Amino acid sequence: MSISITVRNGTAIGKESLCRTCRYASIQLGYSESEEEIRCGYFSELPRLVPFPVSRCSDYLSKLAPTLYELEKIAFIIDVKDVKATSRVGFAGAAVTAGTCEEGSE
């Protein structure tokens, strides 16, 4: 006979805080593992202290993925006004040339 127990909305053990990958977080680490201070800078006037590991946050912005501004900065802009009506738009095919390979005598 087996009994199954399901825990919902329980406390996760051993998970890292969401603040570690947030753009708004300011993290200060000391020499020991217990010396750590995390402040949330979402409100830039007064960053607030975060006293516990965060699992969900409504103001979270990942620093692992680029923002819209960063994507626009590296984007390749195509001006469609300069494209003529007769020219093809899209990717061009690669031209492949075949040649003969000559073996040298030793």
N, C-alpha and C. Protein backbone atom coordinates (compact mmCIF):
# COMPACT_ATOMS: atom_id res chain seq x y z
N MET A 1 0.85 -1.17 0.00
CA MET A 1 0.00 0.00 0.00
C MET A 1 0.90 1.24 0.00
N SER A 2 0.66 2.15 -0.95
CA SER A 2 1.48 3.36 -1.02
C SER A 2 0.60 4.60 -0.88
N ILE A 3 1.16 5.61 -0.28
CA ILE A 3 0.46 6.87 -0.08
C ILE A 3 1.21 7.95 -0.85
N SER A 4 0.50 8.71 -1.65
CA SER A 4 1.14 9.81 -2.37
C SER A 4 0.71 11.14 -1.76
N ILE A 5 1.68 12.01 -1.57
CA ILE A 5 1.43 13.32 -0.99
C ILE A 5 1.80 14.38 -2.02
N THR A 6 0.91 15.31 -2.26
CA THR A 6 1.15 16.40 -3.21
C THR A 6 1.15 17.72 -2.45
N VAL A 7 2.23 18.48 -2.63
CA VAL A 7 2.35 19.79 -1.98
C VAL A 7 2.26 20.85 -3.07
N ARG A 8 1.32 21.76 -2.94
CA ARG A 8 1.16 22.84 -3.91
C ARG A 8 1.50 24.16 -3.25
N ASN A 9 2.17 25.02 -4.02
CA ASN A 9 2.61 26.33 -3.54
C ASN A 9 3.48 26.23 -2.29
N GLY A 10 4.30 25.19 -2.24
CA GLY A 10 5.21 25.02 -1.12
C GLY A 10 6.48 25.83 -1.32
N THR A 11 7.34 25.82 -0.34
CA THR A 11 8.59 26.56 -0.40
C THR A 11 9.64 25.73 -1.13
N ALA A 12 10.24 26.30 -2.16
CA ALA A 12 11.30 25.61 -2.89
C ALA A 12 12.59 25.68 -2.09
N ILE A 13 13.29 24.56 -2.02
CA ILE A 13 14.53 24.49 -1.26
C ILE A 13 15.69 24.41 -2.25
N GLY A 14 16.70 25.23 -2.04
CA GLY A 14 17.89 25.16 -2.87
C GLY A 14 17.79 25.88 -4.20
N LYS A 15 16.77 26.66 -4.43
CA LYS A 15 16.64 27.41 -5.68
C LYS A 15 17.32 28.76 -5.54
N GLU A 16 17.89 29.25 -6.65
CA GLU A 16 18.51 30.58 -6.62
C GLU A 16 17.44 31.64 -6.75
N SER A 17 17.74 32.80 -6.21
CA SER A 17 16.82 33.92 -6.28
C SER A 17 16.72 34.45 -7.70
N LEU A 18 15.55 34.91 -8.06
CA LEU A 18 15.31 35.50 -9.38
C LEU A 18 16.13 36.78 -9.55
N CYS A 19 16.52 37.39 -8.45
CA CYS A 19 17.28 38.65 -8.49
C CYS A 19 18.66 38.47 -9.14
N ARG A 20 19.20 37.26 -9.13
CA ARG A 20 20.54 37.02 -9.70
C ARG A 20 20.59 37.33 -11.19
N THR A 21 19.47 37.20 -11.90
CA THR A 21 19.44 37.45 -13.34
C THR A 21 18.58 38.65 -13.70
N CYS A 22 18.29 39.52 -12.74
CA CYS A 22 17.44 40.68 -12.99
C CYS A 22 18.30 41.92 -13.27
N ARG A 23 17.88 42.73 -14.24
CA ARG A 23 18.60 43.97 -14.57
C ARG A 23 18.51 45.01 -13.47
N TYR A 24 17.47 44.98 -12.67
CA TYR A 24 17.27 45.99 -11.64
C TYR A 24 17.98 45.67 -10.33
N ALA A 25 18.51 44.46 -10.18
CA ALA A 25 19.10 44.04 -8.91
C ALA A 25 20.52 44.58 -8.74
N SER A 26 20.82 44.96 -7.52
CA SER A 26 22.17 45.34 -7.12
C SER A 26 22.58 44.37 -6.03
N ILE A 27 23.60 43.55 -6.30
CA ILE A 27 23.98 42.48 -5.38
C ILE A 27 25.38 42.74 -4.85
N GLN A 28 25.50 42.79 -3.53
CA GLN A 28 26.80 42.92 -2.87
C GLN A 28 27.10 41.61 -2.15
N LEU A 29 28.29 41.06 -2.42
CA LEU A 29 28.71 39.81 -1.79
C LEU A 29 29.90 40.08 -0.88
N GLY A 30 29.89 39.43 0.28
CA GLY A 30 31.02 39.53 1.20
C GLY A 30 31.95 38.35 1.01
N TYR A 31 32.86 38.16 1.95
CA TYR A 31 33.82 37.06 1.85
C TYR A 31 33.20 35.72 2.23
N SER A 32 32.22 35.69 3.11
CA SER A 32 31.57 34.43 3.44
C SER A 32 30.24 34.33 2.70
N GLU A 33 29.69 33.13 2.64
CA GLU A 33 28.44 32.91 1.90
C GLU A 33 27.25 33.62 2.54
N SER A 34 27.31 33.85 3.85
CA SER A 34 26.20 34.50 4.53
C SER A 34 26.20 36.02 4.35
N GLU A 35 27.30 36.57 3.85
CA GLU A 35 27.39 38.02 3.65
C GLU A 35 26.93 38.36 2.24
N GLU A 36 25.65 38.62 2.11
CA GLU A 36 25.07 38.97 0.82
C GLU A 36 23.94 39.97 1.04
N GLU A 37 23.93 41.02 0.23
CA GLU A 37 22.87 42.01 0.32
C GLU A 37 22.36 42.29 -1.08
N ILE A 38 21.04 42.14 -1.26
CA ILE A 38 20.42 42.37 -2.56
C ILE A 38 19.46 43.54 -2.42
N ARG A 39 19.58 44.49 -3.35
CA ARG A 39 18.67 45.63 -3.38
C ARG A 39 18.00 45.68 -4.74
N CYS A 40 16.71 46.00 -4.74
CA CYS A 40 15.95 46.12 -5.98
C CYS A 40 15.94 47.59 -6.39
N GLY A 41 16.47 47.87 -7.58
CA GLY A 41 16.55 49.24 -8.07
C GLY A 41 15.47 49.59 -9.06
N TYR A 42 14.32 48.86 -9.04
CA TYR A 42 13.23 49.17 -9.97
C TYR A 42 12.76 50.60 -9.76
N PHE A 43 12.65 51.00 -8.50
CA PHE A 43 12.37 52.40 -8.19
C PHE A 43 13.72 53.06 -7.98
N SER A 44 14.21 53.76 -8.99
CA SER A 44 15.59 54.25 -8.98
C SER A 44 15.86 55.28 -7.88
N GLU A 45 14.84 55.95 -7.38
CA GLU A 45 15.05 56.95 -6.34
C GLU A 45 15.47 56.31 -5.02
N LEU A 46 14.84 55.20 -4.67
CA LEU A 46 15.11 54.57 -3.39
C LEU A 46 15.14 53.05 -3.56
N PRO A 47 16.32 52.45 -3.83
CA PRO A 47 16.40 50.99 -3.96
C PRO A 47 16.01 50.32 -2.64
N ARG A 48 15.19 49.29 -2.72
CA ARG A 48 14.72 48.63 -1.50
C ARG A 48 15.46 47.32 -1.26
N LEU A 49 15.69 47.01 0.00
CA LEU A 49 16.39 45.80 0.40
C LEU A 49 15.47 44.60 0.21
N VAL A 50 16.01 43.51 -0.35
CA VAL A 50 15.25 42.27 -0.55
C VAL A 50 15.79 41.26 0.46
N PRO A 51 15.06 40.98 1.54
CA PRO A 51 15.59 40.15 2.62
C PRO A 51 15.47 38.64 2.42
N PHE A 52 14.87 38.19 1.30
CA PHE A 52 14.64 36.75 1.11
C PHE A 52 14.83 36.40 -0.36
N PRO A 53 15.07 35.13 -0.70
CA PRO A 53 15.18 34.72 -2.10
C PRO A 53 13.83 34.86 -2.80
N VAL A 54 13.83 35.46 -3.97
CA VAL A 54 12.60 35.75 -4.70
C VAL A 54 12.35 34.66 -5.74
N SER A 55 11.10 34.14 -5.78
CA SER A 55 10.75 33.13 -6.79
C SER A 55 9.94 33.74 -7.93
N ARG A 56 9.14 34.77 -7.67
CA ARG A 56 8.37 35.48 -8.70
C ARG A 56 8.41 36.97 -8.41
N CYS A 57 8.44 37.77 -9.48
CA CYS A 57 8.47 39.22 -9.30
C CYS A 57 7.73 39.88 -10.47
N SER A 58 6.88 40.84 -10.18
CA SER A 58 6.12 41.52 -11.24
C SER A 58 6.98 42.53 -11.99
N ASP A 59 8.12 42.95 -11.43
CA ASP A 59 8.99 43.94 -12.06
C ASP A 59 10.24 43.31 -12.66
N TYR A 60 10.28 41.99 -12.81
CA TYR A 60 11.47 41.28 -13.27
C TYR A 60 11.77 41.59 -14.73
N LEU A 61 13.04 41.88 -15.04
CA LEU A 61 13.51 42.07 -16.41
C LEU A 61 14.84 41.33 -16.53
N SER A 62 14.85 40.27 -17.31
CA SER A 62 16.02 39.41 -17.41
C SER A 62 17.19 40.12 -18.09
N LYS A 63 18.38 39.97 -17.51
CA LYS A 63 19.57 40.52 -18.15
C LYS A 63 20.22 39.49 -19.06
N LEU A 64 19.65 38.29 -19.13
CA LEU A 64 20.16 37.25 -20.02
C LEU A 64 19.67 37.44 -21.45
N ALA A 65 18.52 38.09 -21.63
CA ALA A 65 17.96 38.34 -22.96
C ALA A 65 18.10 39.83 -23.28
N PRO A 66 18.39 40.17 -24.53
CA PRO A 66 18.54 41.59 -24.88
C PRO A 66 17.20 42.33 -24.84
N THR A 67 17.26 43.62 -24.53
CA THR A 67 16.07 44.45 -24.52
C THR A 67 15.73 44.87 -25.94
N LEU A 68 14.57 45.47 -26.12
CA LEU A 68 14.16 45.95 -27.44
C LEU A 68 15.13 47.01 -27.96
N TYR A 69 15.59 47.90 -27.09
CA TYR A 69 16.54 48.93 -27.49
C TYR A 69 17.85 48.31 -27.98
N GLU A 70 18.36 47.29 -27.28
CA GLU A 70 19.60 46.63 -27.69
C GLU A 70 19.43 45.91 -29.02
N LEU A 71 18.27 45.31 -29.25
CA LEU A 71 18.01 44.64 -30.53
C LEU A 71 17.93 45.65 -31.67
N GLU A 72 17.30 46.80 -31.43
CA GLU A 72 17.21 47.83 -32.46
C GLU A 72 18.58 48.42 -32.78
N LYS A 73 19.46 48.47 -31.78
CA LYS A 73 20.79 49.03 -31.97
C LYS A 73 21.65 48.16 -32.88
N ILE A 74 21.47 46.84 -32.85
CA ILE A 74 22.28 45.95 -33.68
C ILE A 74 21.57 45.51 -34.95
N ALA A 75 20.34 45.99 -35.16
CA ALA A 75 19.55 45.56 -36.32
C ALA A 75 20.14 46.10 -37.61
N PHE A 76 19.98 45.33 -38.67
CA PHE A 76 20.40 45.73 -40.01
C PHE A 76 19.19 46.37 -40.68
N ILE A 77 19.28 47.65 -41.00
CA ILE A 77 18.15 48.39 -41.56
C ILE A 77 18.22 48.34 -43.08
N ILE A 78 17.13 47.91 -43.70
CA ILE A 78 17.03 47.84 -45.15
C ILE A 78 16.11 48.95 -45.61
N ASP A 79 16.64 49.84 -46.44
CA ASP A 79 15.84 50.94 -46.96
C ASP A 79 15.15 50.46 -48.24
N VAL A 80 13.84 50.27 -48.20
CA VAL A 80 13.11 49.73 -49.34
C VAL A 80 12.89 50.77 -50.43
N LYS A 81 13.15 52.04 -50.16
CA LYS A 81 12.99 53.08 -51.17
C LYS A 81 14.07 52.97 -52.24
N ASP A 82 15.25 52.46 -51.87
CA ASP A 82 16.36 52.33 -52.80
C ASP A 82 16.27 51.08 -53.67
N VAL A 83 15.38 50.16 -53.37
CA VAL A 83 15.26 48.92 -54.13
C VAL A 83 14.48 49.20 -55.41
N LYS A 84 15.06 48.85 -56.55
CA LYS A 84 14.39 49.07 -57.84
C LYS A 84 13.33 48.00 -58.05
N ALA A 85 12.36 48.31 -58.88
CA ALA A 85 11.26 47.38 -59.15
C ALA A 85 11.74 46.14 -59.89
N THR A 86 12.82 46.27 -60.67
CA THR A 86 13.30 45.13 -61.45
C THR A 86 14.24 44.23 -60.66
N SER A 87 14.83 44.73 -59.58
CA SER A 87 15.78 43.91 -58.83
C SER A 87 15.03 42.94 -57.92
N ARG A 88 15.68 41.81 -57.68
CA ARG A 88 15.08 40.80 -56.82
C ARG A 88 15.36 41.13 -55.37
N VAL A 89 14.38 40.90 -54.53
CA VAL A 89 14.52 41.13 -53.11
C VAL A 89 14.61 39.77 -52.43
N GLY A 90 15.52 39.63 -51.49
CA GLY A 90 15.67 38.38 -50.76
C GLY A 90 17.11 37.92 -50.77
N PHE A 91 17.31 36.64 -50.50
CA PHE A 91 18.65 36.09 -50.46
C PHE A 91 19.08 35.66 -51.85
N ALA A 92 20.29 35.99 -52.22
CA ALA A 92 20.83 35.60 -53.53
C ALA A 92 21.43 34.21 -53.42
N GLY A 93 21.37 33.47 -54.50
CA GLY A 93 21.96 32.14 -54.52
C GLY A 93 23.47 32.23 -54.63
N ALA A 94 24.15 31.26 -54.10
CA ALA A 94 25.61 31.24 -54.15
C ALA A 94 26.07 30.63 -55.47
N ALA A 95 27.07 31.23 -56.07
CA ALA A 95 27.62 30.70 -57.32
C ALA A 95 28.71 29.70 -56.97
N VAL A 96 28.60 28.50 -57.53
CA VAL A 96 29.56 27.44 -57.26
C VAL A 96 30.31 27.14 -58.55
N THR A 97 31.63 27.16 -58.50
CA THR A 97 32.44 26.81 -59.66
C THR A 97 33.19 25.53 -59.39
N ALA A 98 33.22 24.67 -60.39
CA ALA A 98 33.91 23.39 -60.24
C ALA A 98 35.26 23.50 -60.93
N GLY A 99 36.27 22.99 -60.32
CA GLY A 99 37.61 23.02 -60.89
C GLY A 99 38.24 21.64 -60.80
N THR A 100 39.35 21.46 -61.48
CA THR A 100 40.05 20.18 -61.42
C THR A 100 41.18 20.29 -60.42
N CYS A 101 41.41 19.22 -59.75
CA CYS A 101 42.47 19.17 -58.76
C CYS A 101 43.65 18.42 -59.37
N GLU A 102 44.81 19.06 -59.44
CA GLU A 102 45.99 18.42 -60.00
C GLU A 102 46.86 17.91 -58.87
N GLU A 103 47.27 16.67 -59.00
CA GLU A 103 48.14 16.08 -57.99
C GLU A 103 49.58 16.27 -58.41
N GLY A 104 50.39 16.74 -57.51
CA GLY A 104 51.80 16.95 -57.80
C GLY A 104 52.59 15.66 -57.65
N SER A 105 53.62 15.48 -58.46
CA SER A 105 54.45 14.28 -58.35
C SER A 105 55.56 14.53 -57.35
N GLU A 106 55.91 13.51 -56.61
CA GLU A 106 56.95 13.65 -55.60
C GLU A 106 58.22 13.01 -56.03
